[in-house]
Amino acid sequence: MRLFTVHTGVGSLVCGAMGIKYYTHFLLQERAPKGMSEFRGVVEVNRILPGNDLKEAASVLAKNFECDTKDIKVLQWSRLH
């Protein structure tokens, strides 16, 4: 199940149950075409992530993008109030 929404300058990726908002900035290593893509925006997840756990944030993002956690580098992840 997809867990979040990413609002980008181009459009929105809408996924599953929503609730807690975070601001994120991350890099995604793509396989085809090969290279890095940069994303930043508001993400909504259906649960509170522990502290500022960037590994857990990368895991949530990787599940949504159907890639490995190692392909995601979270640069910023902070809860919005």
Protein backbone atom coordinates (compact mmCIF):
# COMPACT_ATOMS: atom_id res chain seq x y z
CA MET A 1 0.00 0.00 0.00
CA ARG A 2 1.32 3.44 -0.89
CA LEU A 3 1.54 5.76 2.06
CA PHE A 4 2.00 9.40 1.04
CA THR A 5 1.50 12.35 -1.27
CA VAL A 6 4.39 14.25 -2.82
CA HIS A 7 3.45 17.70 -4.13
CA THR A 8 6.00 18.81 -6.71
CA GLY A 9 6.22 21.80 -9.00
CA VAL A 10 5.00 19.59 -11.84
CA GLY A 11 2.11 17.80 -10.11
CA SER A 12 1.21 15.56 -7.21
CA LEU A 13 1.76 11.91 -6.48
CA VAL A 14 -1.23 10.83 -4.37
CA CYS A 15 -1.10 7.62 -2.38
CA GLY A 16 -3.17 5.70 0.23
CA ALA A 17 -4.25 6.80 3.70
CA MET A 18 -3.13 10.29 4.74
CA GLY A 19 -2.51 12.09 7.98
CA ILE A 20 0.81 13.45 9.26
CA LYS A 21 2.62 16.00 7.06
CA TYR A 22 6.39 16.28 6.62
CA TYR A 23 8.57 18.49 4.45
CA THR A 24 11.12 16.43 2.55
CA HIS A 25 14.02 16.95 0.20
CA PHE A 26 15.59 13.81 -1.23
CA LEU A 27 17.54 12.32 -4.12
CA LEU A 28 16.47 9.20 -6.01
CA GLN A 29 18.98 7.12 -7.96
CA GLU A 30 17.02 6.01 -11.02
CA ARG A 31 17.88 2.98 -13.12
CA ALA A 32 16.31 4.04 -16.42
CA PRO A 33 17.24 6.58 -17.52
CA LYS A 34 20.22 6.21 -15.24
CA GLY A 35 20.88 9.20 -13.01
CA MET A 36 19.76 11.14 -9.95
CA SER A 37 16.41 12.87 -9.62
CA GLU A 38 15.77 15.48 -6.95
CA PHE A 39 12.44 15.86 -5.14
CA ARG A 40 11.27 18.30 -2.50
CA GLY A 41 7.85 19.04 -1.11
CA VAL A 42 5.19 18.05 1.38
CA VAL A 43 4.71 14.36 2.15
CA GLU A 44 1.80 12.90 4.12
CA VAL A 45 2.12 9.56 5.92
CA ASN A 46 -0.43 7.56 7.88
CA ARG A 47 1.72 7.38 11.03
CA ILE A 48 4.21 9.46 12.97
CA LEU A 49 7.78 8.52 12.13
CA PRO A 50 10.07 8.20 15.17
CA GLY A 51 12.13 11.35 15.81
CA ASN A 52 14.14 12.52 12.84
CA ASP A 53 14.72 8.96 11.59
CA LEU A 54 16.06 9.44 8.07
CA LYS A 55 16.44 5.68 7.54
CA GLU A 56 12.72 5.17 8.21
CA ALA A 57 11.89 8.14 5.96
CA ALA A 58 14.02 6.60 3.17
CA SER A 59 12.20 3.30 3.68
CA VAL A 60 8.78 4.95 3.28
CA LEU A 61 9.92 6.81 0.15
CA ALA A 62 11.51 3.67 -1.34
CA LYS A 63 8.29 1.70 -0.89
CA ASN A 64 6.36 4.37 -2.75
CA PHE A 65 8.86 4.61 -5.60
CA GLU A 66 9.18 0.80 -5.70
CA CYS A 67 12.95 0.91 -5.33
CA ASP A 68 15.58 -0.10 -2.78
CA THR A 69 16.17 2.05 0.29
CA LYS A 70 19.79 2.44 -0.83
CA ASP A 71 18.51 4.31 -3.93
CA ILE A 72 17.08 7.11 -1.73
CA LYS A 73 19.20 9.77 -0.02
CA VAL A 74 17.08 11.90 2.31
CA LEU A 75 18.56 15.38 2.63
CA GLN A 76 15.81 16.85 4.81
CA TRP A 77 12.79 15.44 6.64
CA SER A 78 10.88 17.54 9.17
CA ARG A 79 7.36 17.36 10.54
CA LEU A 80 4.99 20.20 9.69
CA HIS A 81 2.62 21.42 12.38
